[in-house]
């Protein structure tokens, strides 16, 4: 699993073998309030009867976050410590949507996660650009995988914010929820934003869009 730019695509790239049920992912990443929560997540997994199955070392230069996986049968969970958002998060996977939804809801209740409304409220109540930027990135990390109008509006507003730090945060937020509707706005930032950190980050993300075949749709 990658950090930032990679994280938006890494978990959706899983492919099932022929004649096996497709892999179902949790509807959104479960963003944890604790920055480092591996031990707590491990205890939760053990309570479910799951075993630790793999670990990936962090490689910031390659955009790879530290990650650990637990599972049993066809159900599994990936725990990642994301350097961009400065949050840890979980992604559950399995071949049964109801089972994945059930264990996701249990984790949200047991592990002190950011709920959808909490993510949106944190954006609405932010009073300073740095606080707002962090809230926008966190919202991108925890946004539903299917395009959600509320999260789209949050990120789109950030891309047009007068403070460059918030605009850059909006670009990073898109990296977790890549969708064609963001492309035109990203192209405008790449071509016209005066701040190097903003336009260069938008350019990198657009290159990732191209590599993944994410074609454009007009922003609202």
N, C-alpha and C. Protein backbone atom coordinates (compact mmCIF):
# COMPACT_ATOMS: atom_id res chain seq x y z
N UNK A 1 0.83 -1.19 0.00
CA UNK A 1 0.00 0.00 0.00
C UNK A 1 0.86 1.23 0.00
N UNK A 2 0.56 2.15 -0.85
CA UNK A 2 1.34 3.37 -0.90
C UNK A 2 0.80 4.43 0.04
N UNK A 3 1.60 5.46 0.21
CA UNK A 3 1.19 6.63 0.96
C UNK A 3 0.75 7.69 -0.01
N UNK A 4 -0.30 8.43 0.34
CA UNK A 4 -0.72 9.54 -0.49
C UNK A 4 -1.07 9.11 -1.90
N UNK A 5 -0.24 9.51 -2.88
CA UNK A 5 -0.56 9.23 -4.27
C UNK A 5 -0.83 7.76 -4.52
N UNK A 6 -0.08 6.88 -3.86
CA UNK A 6 -0.26 5.45 -4.10
C UNK A 6 -1.47 4.89 -3.40
N UNK A 7 -1.83 5.49 -2.26
CA UNK A 7 -2.87 4.89 -1.44
C UNK A 7 -4.22 4.87 -2.12
N UNK A 8 -4.47 5.85 -2.97
CA UNK A 8 -5.76 5.90 -3.62
C UNK A 8 -5.99 4.74 -4.57
N UNK A 9 -4.92 4.20 -5.14
CA UNK A 9 -5.06 3.11 -6.10
C UNK A 9 -4.61 1.76 -5.57
N UNK A 10 -3.74 1.72 -4.59
CA UNK A 10 -3.14 0.45 -4.19
C UNK A 10 -4.14 -0.61 -3.82
N UNK A 11 -5.16 -0.24 -3.04
CA UNK A 11 -6.08 -1.26 -2.56
C UNK A 11 -7.15 -1.62 -3.57
N UNK A 12 -7.33 -0.81 -4.60
CA UNK A 12 -8.35 -1.16 -5.58
C UNK A 12 -7.74 -1.94 -6.74
N UNK A 13 -6.47 -2.26 -6.64
CA UNK A 13 -5.81 -2.96 -7.73
C UNK A 13 -5.83 -4.47 -7.55
N UNK A 14 -6.46 -4.94 -6.45
CA UNK A 14 -6.50 -6.38 -6.22
C UNK A 14 -7.41 -7.05 -7.24
N UNK A 15 -6.97 -8.19 -7.74
CA UNK A 15 -7.72 -8.91 -8.75
C UNK A 15 -7.94 -10.34 -8.30
N UNK A 16 -9.16 -10.83 -8.39
CA UNK A 16 -9.45 -12.20 -8.00
C UNK A 16 -9.08 -13.15 -9.13
N UNK A 17 -8.72 -14.35 -8.76
CA UNK A 17 -8.41 -15.37 -9.75
C UNK A 17 -9.70 -15.79 -10.47
N UNK A 18 -9.58 -16.35 -11.66
CA UNK A 18 -10.77 -16.81 -12.37
C UNK A 18 -11.59 -17.78 -11.53
N UNK A 19 -12.91 -17.68 -11.67
CA UNK A 19 -13.85 -18.59 -11.00
C UNK A 19 -13.88 -18.40 -9.47
N UNK A 20 -13.35 -17.27 -8.97
CA UNK A 20 -13.46 -16.97 -7.55
C UNK A 20 -14.26 -15.69 -7.39
N UNK A 21 -14.96 -15.53 -6.26
CA UNK A 21 -15.75 -14.32 -6.06
C UNK A 21 -14.84 -13.09 -6.06
N UNK A 22 -15.31 -11.95 -6.59
CA UNK A 22 -14.48 -10.75 -6.58
C UNK A 22 -14.22 -10.26 -5.16
N UNK A 23 -13.08 -9.64 -4.96
CA UNK A 23 -12.76 -9.10 -3.66
C UNK A 23 -13.59 -7.85 -3.39
N UNK A 24 -14.22 -7.82 -2.23
CA UNK A 24 -15.02 -6.67 -1.81
C UNK A 24 -14.23 -5.91 -0.77
N UNK A 25 -14.08 -4.60 -0.95
CA UNK A 25 -13.38 -3.76 0.01
C UNK A 25 -14.37 -3.01 0.87
N UNK A 26 -13.93 -2.63 2.07
CA UNK A 26 -14.78 -1.79 2.90
C UNK A 26 -15.13 -0.52 2.12
N UNK A 27 -16.33 0.00 2.35
CA UNK A 27 -16.85 1.11 1.55
C UNK A 27 -15.97 2.35 1.62
N UNK A 28 -15.22 2.47 2.70
CA UNK A 28 -14.26 3.56 2.85
C UNK A 28 -13.18 3.12 3.83
N UNK A 29 -12.06 3.81 3.81
CA UNK A 29 -11.03 3.53 4.81
C UNK A 29 -11.54 3.91 6.19
N UNK A 30 -11.22 3.10 7.19
CA UNK A 30 -11.55 3.41 8.58
C UNK A 30 -10.37 4.20 9.15
N UNK A 31 -10.56 5.50 9.32
CA UNK A 31 -9.49 6.37 9.80
C UNK A 31 -9.50 6.38 11.32
N UNK A 32 -8.37 6.02 11.92
CA UNK A 32 -8.28 5.89 13.37
C UNK A 32 -7.83 7.21 14.00
N UNK A 33 -8.34 7.48 15.18
CA UNK A 33 -7.98 8.72 15.87
C UNK A 33 -6.57 8.65 16.45
N UNK A 34 -6.13 7.46 16.82
CA UNK A 34 -4.77 7.30 17.33
C UNK A 34 -3.80 7.27 16.15
N UNK A 35 -2.72 8.04 16.27
CA UNK A 35 -1.73 8.10 15.18
C UNK A 35 -1.08 6.75 14.95
N UNK A 36 -0.70 6.07 16.02
CA UNK A 36 -0.08 4.74 15.91
C UNK A 36 -0.95 3.77 16.71
N UNK A 37 -1.62 2.86 16.02
CA UNK A 37 -2.61 2.01 16.68
C UNK A 37 -2.42 0.53 16.36
N UNK A 38 -1.21 0.15 15.97
CA UNK A 38 -0.99 -1.24 15.56
C UNK A 38 -1.33 -2.22 16.67
N UNK A 39 -0.91 -1.94 17.90
CA UNK A 39 -1.17 -2.88 18.99
C UNK A 39 -2.66 -3.04 19.23
N UNK A 40 -3.38 -1.93 19.23
CA UNK A 40 -4.83 -1.99 19.45
C UNK A 40 -5.52 -2.76 18.34
N UNK A 41 -5.11 -2.49 17.11
CA UNK A 41 -5.70 -3.21 15.97
C UNK A 41 -5.34 -4.69 16.06
N UNK A 42 -4.12 -5.00 16.47
CA UNK A 42 -3.71 -6.39 16.60
C UNK A 42 -4.55 -7.14 17.62
N UNK A 43 -4.83 -6.49 18.75
CA UNK A 43 -5.69 -7.12 19.76
C UNK A 43 -7.09 -7.36 19.22
N UNK A 44 -7.59 -6.40 18.48
CA UNK A 44 -8.91 -6.54 17.86
C UNK A 44 -8.93 -7.73 16.91
N UNK A 45 -7.89 -7.85 16.09
CA UNK A 45 -7.82 -8.95 15.13
C UNK A 45 -7.75 -10.30 15.84
N UNK A 46 -6.98 -10.37 16.91
CA UNK A 46 -6.87 -11.62 17.67
C UNK A 46 -8.22 -12.00 18.27
N UNK A 47 -8.96 -11.02 18.76
CA UNK A 47 -10.29 -11.29 19.30
C UNK A 47 -11.21 -11.88 18.24
N UNK A 48 -10.98 -11.51 17.00
CA UNK A 48 -11.79 -12.06 15.90
C UNK A 48 -11.29 -13.44 15.47
N UNK A 49 -10.16 -13.87 16.03
CA UNK A 49 -9.58 -15.14 15.64
C UNK A 49 -8.70 -15.04 14.42
N UNK A 50 -8.26 -13.84 14.09
CA UNK A 50 -7.42 -13.63 12.92
C UNK A 50 -5.95 -13.70 13.30
N UNK A 51 -5.11 -14.10 12.36
CA UNK A 51 -3.67 -14.17 12.59
C UNK A 51 -2.95 -13.11 11.77
N UNK A 52 -1.80 -12.70 12.27
CA UNK A 52 -0.96 -11.74 11.54
C UNK A 52 -0.37 -12.46 10.32
N UNK A 53 -0.53 -11.88 9.14
CA UNK A 53 -0.15 -12.58 7.92
C UNK A 53 1.01 -11.94 7.18
N UNK A 54 1.17 -10.64 7.27
CA UNK A 54 2.27 -10.00 6.55
C UNK A 54 2.55 -8.62 7.11
N UNK A 55 3.69 -8.07 6.73
CA UNK A 55 4.10 -6.74 7.15
C UNK A 55 4.92 -6.11 6.03
N UNK A 56 4.72 -4.82 5.79
CA UNK A 56 5.49 -4.08 4.79
C UNK A 56 6.21 -2.93 5.47
N UNK A 57 7.51 -2.84 5.26
CA UNK A 57 8.29 -1.75 5.85
C UNK A 57 7.99 -0.44 5.12
N UNK A 58 8.07 0.65 5.86
CA UNK A 58 7.86 1.96 5.26
C UNK A 58 9.04 2.33 4.36
N UNK A 59 8.73 2.98 3.25
CA UNK A 59 9.74 3.50 2.34
C UNK A 59 9.23 4.86 1.84
N UNK A 60 9.44 5.92 2.63
CA UNK A 60 8.88 7.23 2.28
C UNK A 60 9.29 7.73 0.90
N UNK A 61 10.53 7.44 0.49
CA UNK A 61 10.99 7.91 -0.82
C UNK A 61 10.19 7.30 -1.95
N UNK A 62 9.67 6.10 -1.74
CA UNK A 62 8.86 5.43 -2.75
C UNK A 62 7.37 5.60 -2.49
N UNK A 63 7.02 6.38 -1.45
CA UNK A 63 5.61 6.61 -1.14
C UNK A 63 4.93 5.40 -0.55
N UNK A 64 5.69 4.55 0.15
CA UNK A 64 5.12 3.33 0.74
C UNK A 64 5.04 3.50 2.25
N UNK A 65 3.86 3.27 2.80
CA UNK A 65 3.69 3.40 4.24
C UNK A 65 3.88 2.06 4.94
N UNK A 66 4.17 2.13 6.23
CA UNK A 66 4.25 0.92 7.03
C UNK A 66 2.87 0.29 7.09
N UNK A 67 2.78 -1.02 6.82
CA UNK A 67 1.48 -1.68 6.78
C UNK A 67 1.59 -3.10 7.34
N UNK A 68 0.50 -3.54 7.95
CA UNK A 68 0.42 -4.88 8.52
C UNK A 68 -0.94 -5.46 8.14
N UNK A 69 -0.96 -6.77 7.87
CA UNK A 69 -2.21 -7.43 7.52
C UNK A 69 -2.52 -8.58 8.45
N UNK A 70 -3.80 -8.71 8.82
CA UNK A 70 -4.30 -9.84 9.59
C UNK A 70 -5.47 -10.44 8.82
N UNK A 71 -5.75 -11.72 9.06
CA UNK A 71 -6.89 -12.30 8.39
C UNK A 71 -7.18 -13.71 8.83
N UNK A 72 -8.32 -14.21 8.37
CA UNK A 72 -8.73 -15.60 8.59
C UNK A 72 -9.73 -15.95 7.51
N UNK A 73 -9.51 -17.07 6.86
CA UNK A 73 -10.42 -17.44 5.77
C UNK A 73 -10.33 -16.42 4.65
N UNK A 74 -11.48 -15.94 4.21
CA UNK A 74 -11.48 -14.97 3.12
C UNK A 74 -11.53 -13.53 3.59
N UNK A 75 -11.62 -13.31 4.91
CA UNK A 75 -11.67 -11.95 5.45
C UNK A 75 -10.28 -11.50 5.89
N UNK A 76 -9.96 -10.24 5.65
CA UNK A 76 -8.67 -9.71 6.06
C UNK A 76 -8.78 -8.22 6.32
N UNK A 77 -7.76 -7.68 6.99
CA UNK A 77 -7.69 -6.25 7.23
C UNK A 77 -6.26 -5.80 7.01
N UNK A 78 -6.12 -4.63 6.41
CA UNK A 78 -4.82 -4.01 6.22
C UNK A 78 -4.77 -2.75 7.08
N UNK A 79 -3.74 -2.64 7.92
CA UNK A 79 -3.51 -1.48 8.76
C UNK A 79 -2.35 -0.70 8.17
N UNK A 80 -2.53 0.60 7.94
CA UNK A 80 -1.48 1.43 7.35
C UNK A 80 -1.25 2.67 8.20
N UNK A 81 0.01 3.08 8.31
CA UNK A 81 0.37 4.33 8.96
C UNK A 81 0.77 5.32 7.87
N UNK A 82 -0.17 6.20 7.56
CA UNK A 82 -0.03 7.10 6.42
C UNK A 82 0.71 8.37 6.80
N UNK A 83 1.82 8.65 6.14
CA UNK A 83 2.65 9.80 6.49
C UNK A 83 2.06 11.12 6.01
N UNK A 84 1.30 11.10 4.93
CA UNK A 84 0.75 12.34 4.40
C UNK A 84 -0.34 12.90 5.32
N UNK A 85 -1.29 12.06 5.67
CA UNK A 85 -2.39 12.50 6.53
C UNK A 85 -2.02 12.50 8.01
N UNK A 86 -0.93 11.79 8.34
CA UNK A 86 -0.52 11.60 9.73
C UNK A 86 -1.59 10.87 10.53
N UNK A 87 -2.22 9.91 9.87
CA UNK A 87 -3.22 9.06 10.51
C UNK A 87 -2.95 7.61 10.14
N UNK A 88 -3.41 6.73 11.00
CA UNK A 88 -3.46 5.31 10.65
C UNK A 88 -4.86 4.99 10.18
N UNK A 89 -4.95 4.01 9.29
CA UNK A 89 -6.27 3.64 8.79
C UNK A 89 -6.33 2.15 8.47
N UNK A 90 -7.55 1.66 8.35
CA UNK A 90 -7.80 0.25 8.06
C UNK A 90 -8.59 0.11 6.78
N UNK A 91 -8.32 -0.97 6.06
CA UNK A 91 -9.15 -1.37 4.93
C UNK A 91 -9.44 -2.86 5.06
N UNK A 92 -10.71 -3.20 5.11
CA UNK A 92 -11.12 -4.60 5.21
C UNK A 92 -11.44 -5.14 3.82
N UNK A 93 -11.22 -6.45 3.64
CA UNK A 93 -11.48 -7.07 2.35
C UNK A 93 -12.00 -8.49 2.57
N UNK A 94 -12.78 -8.97 1.61
CA UNK A 94 -13.31 -10.32 1.67
C UNK A 94 -14.14 -10.60 0.44
N UNK A 95 -14.71 -11.80 0.37
CA UNK A 95 -15.53 -12.14 -0.80
C UNK A 95 -17.02 -12.02 -0.51
N UNK A 96 -17.38 -11.56 0.69
CA UNK A 96 -18.78 -11.41 1.06
C UNK A 96 -19.01 -9.98 1.56
N UNK A 97 -19.81 -9.22 0.83
CA UNK A 97 -20.00 -7.81 1.15
C UNK A 97 -20.58 -7.61 2.54
N UNK A 98 -21.54 -8.45 2.93
CA UNK A 98 -22.17 -8.30 4.24
C UNK A 98 -21.15 -8.53 5.36
N UNK A 99 -20.29 -9.52 5.18
CA UNK A 99 -19.27 -9.80 6.20
C UNK A 99 -18.27 -8.64 6.30
N UNK A 100 -17.87 -8.10 5.15
CA UNK A 100 -16.94 -6.96 5.15
C UNK A 100 -17.59 -5.76 5.83
N UNK A 101 -18.84 -5.47 5.49
CA UNK A 101 -19.54 -4.34 6.11
C UNK A 101 -19.66 -4.53 7.62
N UNK A 102 -19.96 -5.77 8.03
CA UNK A 102 -20.15 -6.04 9.45
C UNK A 102 -18.89 -5.82 10.26
N UNK A 103 -17.77 -6.33 9.78
CA UNK A 103 -16.52 -6.20 10.54
C UNK A 103 -16.02 -4.76 10.47
N UNK A 104 -16.32 -4.05 9.38
CA UNK A 104 -15.96 -2.64 9.28
C UNK A 104 -16.70 -1.82 10.32
N UNK A 105 -18.00 -2.05 10.45
CA UNK A 105 -18.80 -1.33 11.44
C UNK A 105 -18.34 -1.66 12.86
N UNK A 106 -17.96 -2.91 13.09
CA UNK A 106 -17.47 -3.29 14.41
C UNK A 106 -16.17 -2.56 14.73
N UNK A 107 -15.28 -2.49 13.76
CA UNK A 107 -14.00 -1.80 13.97
C UNK A 107 -14.21 -0.32 14.24
N UNK A 108 -15.13 0.30 13.50
CA UNK A 108 -15.40 1.72 13.70
C UNK A 108 -15.88 1.98 15.13
N UNK A 109 -16.69 1.07 15.65
CA UNK A 109 -17.23 1.25 17.00
C UNK A 109 -16.19 0.94 18.08
N UNK A 110 -15.35 -0.04 17.83
CA UNK A 110 -14.43 -0.53 18.87
C UNK A 110 -13.09 0.21 18.90
N UNK A 111 -12.68 0.76 17.78
CA UNK A 111 -11.31 1.27 17.68
C UNK A 111 -11.21 2.80 17.66
N UNK A 112 -12.26 3.49 17.96
CA UNK A 112 -12.18 4.94 18.03
C UNK A 112 -11.88 5.59 16.69
N UNK A 113 -12.72 5.31 15.70
CA UNK A 113 -12.51 5.82 14.35
C UNK A 113 -13.24 7.14 14.12
N UNK A 114 -12.79 7.84 13.09
CA UNK A 114 -13.50 9.03 12.62
C UNK A 114 -14.71 8.58 11.80
N UNK A 115 -15.90 8.96 12.25
CA UNK A 115 -17.11 8.69 11.49
C UNK A 115 -17.22 9.69 10.33
N UNK A 116 -18.08 9.38 9.38
CA UNK A 116 -18.26 10.26 8.22
C UNK A 116 -18.60 11.67 8.66
N UNK A 117 -19.57 11.80 9.56
CA UNK A 117 -19.99 13.13 9.98
C UNK A 117 -18.88 13.86 10.72
N UNK A 118 -18.05 13.11 11.46
CA UNK A 118 -16.92 13.74 12.16
C UNK A 118 -15.93 14.33 11.16
N UNK A 119 -15.66 13.60 10.09
CA UNK A 119 -14.72 14.09 9.08
C UNK A 119 -15.22 15.38 8.45
N UNK A 120 -16.50 15.44 8.14
CA UNK A 120 -17.07 16.62 7.51
C UNK A 120 -17.15 17.79 8.48
N UNK A 121 -17.53 17.50 9.73
CA UNK A 121 -17.63 18.55 10.73
C UNK A 121 -16.28 19.19 11.00
N UNK A 122 -15.22 18.38 11.01
CA UNK A 122 -13.88 18.91 11.25
C UNK A 122 -13.48 19.92 10.18
N UNK A 123 -13.91 19.70 8.96
CA UNK A 123 -13.65 20.65 7.88
C UNK A 123 -14.45 21.93 8.11
N UNK A 124 -15.72 21.78 8.43
CA UNK A 124 -16.61 22.94 8.60
C UNK A 124 -16.19 23.84 9.75
N UNK A 125 -15.61 23.24 10.79
CA UNK A 125 -15.29 24.01 11.99
C UNK A 125 -13.84 24.48 12.04
N UNK A 126 -13.04 24.12 11.07
CA UNK A 126 -11.64 24.56 11.04
C UNK A 126 -11.58 26.08 10.87
N UNK A 127 -10.71 26.72 11.64
CA UNK A 127 -10.64 28.19 11.62
C UNK A 127 -9.33 28.72 11.03
N UNK A 128 -8.31 27.89 10.93
CA UNK A 128 -7.03 28.31 10.39
C UNK A 128 -6.66 27.45 9.18
N UNK A 129 -5.91 28.01 8.22
CA UNK A 129 -5.55 27.25 7.02
C UNK A 129 -4.87 25.92 7.30
N UNK A 130 -3.94 25.88 8.25
CA UNK A 130 -3.24 24.61 8.54
C UNK A 130 -4.23 23.59 9.08
N UNK A 131 -5.10 24.00 10.00
CA UNK A 131 -6.11 23.10 10.55
C UNK A 131 -7.05 22.63 9.45
N UNK A 132 -7.46 23.55 8.58
CA UNK A 132 -8.35 23.19 7.49
C UNK A 132 -7.67 22.21 6.53
N UNK A 133 -6.42 22.46 6.20
CA UNK A 133 -5.71 21.57 5.30
C UNK A 133 -5.64 20.15 5.84
N UNK A 134 -5.33 20.04 7.13
CA UNK A 134 -5.27 18.71 7.74
C UNK A 134 -6.63 18.03 7.70
N UNK A 135 -7.69 18.79 7.96
CA UNK A 135 -9.03 18.22 7.96
C UNK A 135 -9.43 17.77 6.56
N UNK A 136 -9.02 18.52 5.54
CA UNK A 136 -9.35 18.17 4.16
C UNK A 136 -8.64 16.87 3.76
N UNK A 137 -7.35 16.77 4.10
CA UNK A 137 -6.61 15.53 3.78
C UNK A 137 -7.23 14.34 4.50
N UNK A 138 -7.58 14.53 5.77
CA UNK A 138 -8.20 13.45 6.54
C UNK A 138 -9.53 13.05 5.91
N UNK A 139 -10.30 14.03 5.45
CA UNK A 139 -11.57 13.73 4.80
C UNK A 139 -11.36 12.93 3.52
N UNK A 140 -10.31 13.27 2.76
CA UNK A 140 -10.01 12.49 1.57
C UNK A 140 -9.65 11.06 1.92
N UNK A 141 -8.86 10.87 2.96
CA UNK A 141 -8.46 9.52 3.38
C UNK A 141 -9.67 8.68 3.78
N UNK A 142 -10.65 9.30 4.44
CA UNK A 142 -11.80 8.55 4.93
C UNK A 142 -13.04 8.66 4.07
N UNK A 143 -12.92 9.25 2.89
CA UNK A 143 -14.09 9.43 2.02
C UNK A 143 -14.56 8.09 1.44
N UNK A 144 -15.85 7.95 1.17
CA UNK A 144 -16.35 6.74 0.51
C UNK A 144 -15.65 6.53 -0.84
N UNK A 145 -15.46 5.27 -1.20
CA UNK A 145 -14.82 4.97 -2.48
C UNK A 145 -15.70 5.39 -3.66
N UNK A 146 -17.00 5.25 -3.49
CA UNK A 146 -17.92 5.77 -4.50
C UNK A 146 -18.04 7.28 -4.31
N UNK A 147 -18.03 8.04 -5.40
CA UNK A 147 -18.05 9.49 -5.30
C UNK A 147 -19.23 9.94 -4.45
N UNK A 148 -18.93 10.74 -3.43
CA UNK A 148 -19.93 11.26 -2.50
C UNK A 148 -19.95 12.78 -2.66
N UNK A 149 -21.13 13.34 -2.91
CA UNK A 149 -21.24 14.77 -3.20
C UNK A 149 -20.70 15.63 -2.06
N UNK A 150 -20.89 15.21 -0.82
CA UNK A 150 -20.43 16.02 0.30
C UNK A 150 -18.90 16.09 0.32
N UNK A 151 -18.25 14.98 0.11
CA UNK A 151 -16.80 14.98 0.11
C UNK A 151 -16.24 15.64 -1.14
N UNK A 152 -16.94 15.46 -2.25
CA UNK A 152 -16.52 16.14 -3.48
C UNK A 152 -16.52 17.65 -3.26
N UNK A 153 -17.57 18.16 -2.63
CA UNK A 153 -17.67 19.60 -2.38
C UNK A 153 -16.56 20.09 -1.46
N UNK A 154 -16.24 19.31 -0.42
CA UNK A 154 -15.18 19.69 0.51
C UNK A 154 -13.84 19.81 -0.22
N UNK A 155 -13.53 18.82 -1.03
CA UNK A 155 -12.24 18.81 -1.72
C UNK A 155 -12.21 19.86 -2.82
N UNK A 156 -13.31 20.00 -3.55
CA UNK A 156 -13.37 20.99 -4.62
C UNK A 156 -13.23 22.41 -4.07
N UNK A 157 -13.87 22.68 -2.94
CA UNK A 157 -13.71 23.99 -2.30
C UNK A 157 -12.26 24.23 -1.89
N UNK A 158 -11.60 23.18 -1.38
CA UNK A 158 -10.20 23.32 -0.97
C UNK A 158 -9.31 23.66 -2.16
N UNK A 159 -9.59 23.08 -3.32
CA UNK A 159 -8.79 23.34 -4.51
C UNK A 159 -8.89 24.78 -4.97
N UNK A 160 -9.93 25.50 -4.53
CA UNK A 160 -10.12 26.90 -4.93
C UNK A 160 -9.86 27.88 -3.78
N UNK A 161 -9.31 27.38 -2.69
CA UNK A 161 -9.10 28.22 -1.51
C UNK A 161 -7.98 29.23 -1.77
N UNK A 162 -8.09 30.44 -1.22
CA UNK A 162 -7.04 31.44 -1.44
C UNK A 162 -5.69 31.09 -0.83
N UNK A 163 -5.66 30.23 0.17
CA UNK A 163 -4.40 29.84 0.81
C UNK A 163 -3.83 28.62 0.08
N UNK A 164 -2.58 28.75 -0.36
CA UNK A 164 -1.94 27.68 -1.13
C UNK A 164 -1.85 26.38 -0.34
N UNK A 165 -1.69 26.47 0.98
CA UNK A 165 -1.57 25.27 1.80
C UNK A 165 -2.85 24.44 1.75
N UNK A 166 -3.98 25.12 1.68
CA UNK A 166 -5.26 24.41 1.60
C UNK A 166 -5.45 23.82 0.21
N UNK A 167 -5.04 24.57 -0.82
CA UNK A 167 -5.16 24.03 -2.18
C UNK A 167 -4.31 22.77 -2.33
N UNK A 168 -3.09 22.82 -1.80
CA UNK A 168 -2.23 21.62 -1.88
C UNK A 168 -2.85 20.46 -1.11
N UNK A 169 -3.44 20.75 0.04
CA UNK A 169 -4.12 19.70 0.81
C UNK A 169 -5.24 19.08 0.01
N UNK A 170 -5.97 19.91 -0.75
CA UNK A 170 -7.04 19.38 -1.60
C UNK A 170 -6.51 18.42 -2.65
N UNK A 171 -5.34 18.74 -3.22
CA UNK A 171 -4.74 17.83 -4.21
C UNK A 171 -4.37 16.51 -3.55
N UNK A 172 -3.76 16.58 -2.37
CA UNK A 172 -3.41 15.33 -1.68
C UNK A 172 -4.66 14.53 -1.32
N UNK A 173 -5.74 15.21 -0.97
CA UNK A 173 -6.98 14.50 -0.64
C UNK A 173 -7.48 13.70 -1.84
N UNK A 174 -7.34 14.26 -3.03
CA UNK A 174 -7.78 13.56 -4.24
C UNK A 174 -7.00 12.27 -4.43
N UNK A 175 -5.76 12.23 -3.99
CA UNK A 175 -4.94 11.04 -4.20
C UNK A 175 -5.55 9.81 -3.53
N UNK A 176 -6.39 10.01 -2.51
CA UNK A 176 -7.05 8.88 -1.85
C UNK A 176 -8.36 8.51 -2.53
N UNK A 177 -8.98 9.47 -3.21
CA UNK A 177 -10.28 9.23 -3.85
C UNK A 177 -10.23 9.71 -5.30
N UNK A 178 -9.34 9.17 -6.12
CA UNK A 178 -9.19 9.64 -7.49
C UNK A 178 -10.47 9.47 -8.29
N UNK A 179 -10.93 10.53 -8.90
CA UNK A 179 -12.15 10.45 -9.70
C UNK A 179 -12.03 11.43 -10.86
N UNK A 180 -12.55 11.06 -12.03
CA UNK A 180 -12.44 11.94 -13.19
C UNK A 180 -12.99 13.35 -12.98
N UNK A 181 -13.96 13.52 -12.09
CA UNK A 181 -14.55 14.83 -11.89
C UNK A 181 -13.54 15.86 -11.37
N UNK A 182 -12.47 15.38 -10.79
CA UNK A 182 -11.45 16.30 -10.28
C UNK A 182 -10.46 16.72 -11.35
N UNK A 183 -10.45 16.06 -12.49
CA UNK A 183 -9.36 16.24 -13.43
C UNK A 183 -9.26 17.68 -13.96
N UNK A 184 -10.37 18.27 -14.35
CA UNK A 184 -10.30 19.61 -14.92
C UNK A 184 -9.75 20.62 -13.91
N UNK A 185 -10.16 20.47 -12.65
CA UNK A 185 -9.66 21.37 -11.62
C UNK A 185 -8.15 21.17 -11.43
N UNK A 186 -7.70 19.92 -11.45
CA UNK A 186 -6.28 19.64 -11.33
C UNK A 186 -5.49 20.23 -12.50
N UNK A 187 -6.05 20.14 -13.69
CA UNK A 187 -5.38 20.71 -14.86
C UNK A 187 -5.25 22.23 -14.73
N UNK A 188 -6.28 22.87 -14.17
CA UNK A 188 -6.22 24.32 -13.97
C UNK A 188 -5.14 24.69 -12.96
N UNK A 189 -5.03 23.90 -11.90
CA UNK A 189 -3.98 24.16 -10.91
C UNK A 189 -2.60 23.95 -11.52
N UNK A 190 -2.45 22.88 -12.27
CA UNK A 190 -1.15 22.60 -12.91
C UNK A 190 -0.74 23.73 -13.85
N UNK A 191 -1.69 24.26 -14.58
CA UNK A 191 -1.37 25.23 -15.62
C UNK A 191 -1.33 26.67 -15.13
N UNK A 192 -2.03 26.97 -14.01
CA UNK A 192 -2.18 28.38 -13.64
C UNK A 192 -1.86 28.72 -12.19
N UNK A 193 -1.75 27.74 -11.31
CA UNK A 193 -1.50 28.10 -9.91
C UNK A 193 -0.10 28.69 -9.77
N UNK A 194 0.02 29.82 -9.03
CA UNK A 194 1.33 30.48 -8.90
C UNK A 194 2.29 29.79 -7.94
N UNK A 195 1.78 28.89 -7.09
CA UNK A 195 2.63 28.26 -6.08
C UNK A 195 3.18 26.93 -6.60
N UNK A 196 4.51 26.80 -6.53
CA UNK A 196 5.16 25.60 -7.06
C UNK A 196 4.64 24.33 -6.41
N UNK A 197 4.50 24.32 -5.09
CA UNK A 197 4.07 23.11 -4.39
C UNK A 197 2.68 22.67 -4.85
N UNK A 198 1.84 23.62 -5.21
CA UNK A 198 0.48 23.28 -5.64
C UNK A 198 0.50 22.73 -7.05
N UNK A 199 1.07 23.50 -8.01
CA UNK A 199 0.99 23.06 -9.40
C UNK A 199 1.82 21.81 -9.66
N UNK A 200 2.95 21.66 -8.95
CA UNK A 200 3.78 20.47 -9.18
C UNK A 200 3.11 19.22 -8.60
N UNK A 201 2.45 19.36 -7.46
CA UNK A 201 1.73 18.21 -6.89
C UNK A 201 0.55 17.83 -7.77
N UNK A 202 -0.15 18.83 -8.30
CA UNK A 202 -1.25 18.55 -9.23
C UNK A 202 -0.73 17.84 -10.48
N UNK A 203 0.44 18.26 -10.96
CA UNK A 203 1.03 17.63 -12.14
C UNK A 203 1.35 16.16 -11.87
N UNK A 204 1.92 15.87 -10.70
CA UNK A 204 2.24 14.48 -10.35
C UNK A 204 0.97 13.63 -10.30
N UNK A 205 -0.08 14.19 -9.71
CA UNK A 205 -1.32 13.42 -9.61
C UNK A 205 -1.95 13.20 -10.97
N UNK A 206 -1.88 14.19 -11.84
CA UNK A 206 -2.41 14.01 -13.20
C UNK A 206 -1.63 12.94 -13.95
N UNK A 207 -0.33 12.86 -13.72
CA UNK A 207 0.45 11.78 -14.33
C UNK A 207 -0.02 10.42 -13.83
N UNK A 208 -0.37 10.36 -12.54
CA UNK A 208 -0.92 9.11 -11.99
C UNK A 208 -2.28 8.82 -12.60
N UNK A 209 -3.10 9.85 -12.80
CA UNK A 209 -4.38 9.67 -13.49
C UNK A 209 -4.15 9.05 -14.87
N UNK A 210 -3.20 9.60 -15.60
CA UNK A 210 -2.92 9.09 -16.95
C UNK A 210 -2.46 7.64 -16.91
N UNK A 211 -1.59 7.32 -15.95
CA UNK A 211 -1.07 5.96 -15.85
C UNK A 211 -2.17 4.97 -15.53
N UNK A 212 -3.18 5.41 -14.79
CA UNK A 212 -4.26 4.52 -14.39
C UNK A 212 -5.47 4.61 -15.32
N UNK A 213 -5.38 5.44 -16.35
CA UNK A 213 -6.48 5.57 -17.30
C UNK A 213 -7.69 6.29 -16.75
N UNK A 214 -7.46 7.22 -15.81
CA UNK A 214 -8.57 8.00 -15.25
C UNK A 214 -8.80 9.18 -16.18
N UNK A 215 -9.80 9.06 -17.04
CA UNK A 215 -10.08 10.09 -18.02
C UNK A 215 -10.88 11.23 -17.41
N UNK A 216 -11.01 12.32 -18.13
CA UNK A 216 -11.58 13.53 -17.56
C UNK A 216 -13.07 13.65 -17.68
N UNK A 217 -13.64 14.32 -16.68
CA UNK A 217 -15.01 14.80 -16.69
C UNK A 217 -14.96 16.23 -16.19
N UNK A 218 -15.85 17.05 -16.63
CA UNK A 218 -15.84 18.44 -16.20
C UNK A 218 -16.21 18.57 -14.74
N UNK A 219 -15.47 19.43 -14.04
CA UNK A 219 -15.84 19.74 -12.66
C UNK A 219 -17.09 20.60 -12.66
N UNK A 220 -17.85 20.48 -11.57
CA UNK A 220 -19.09 21.22 -11.51
C UNK A 220 -18.81 22.71 -11.30
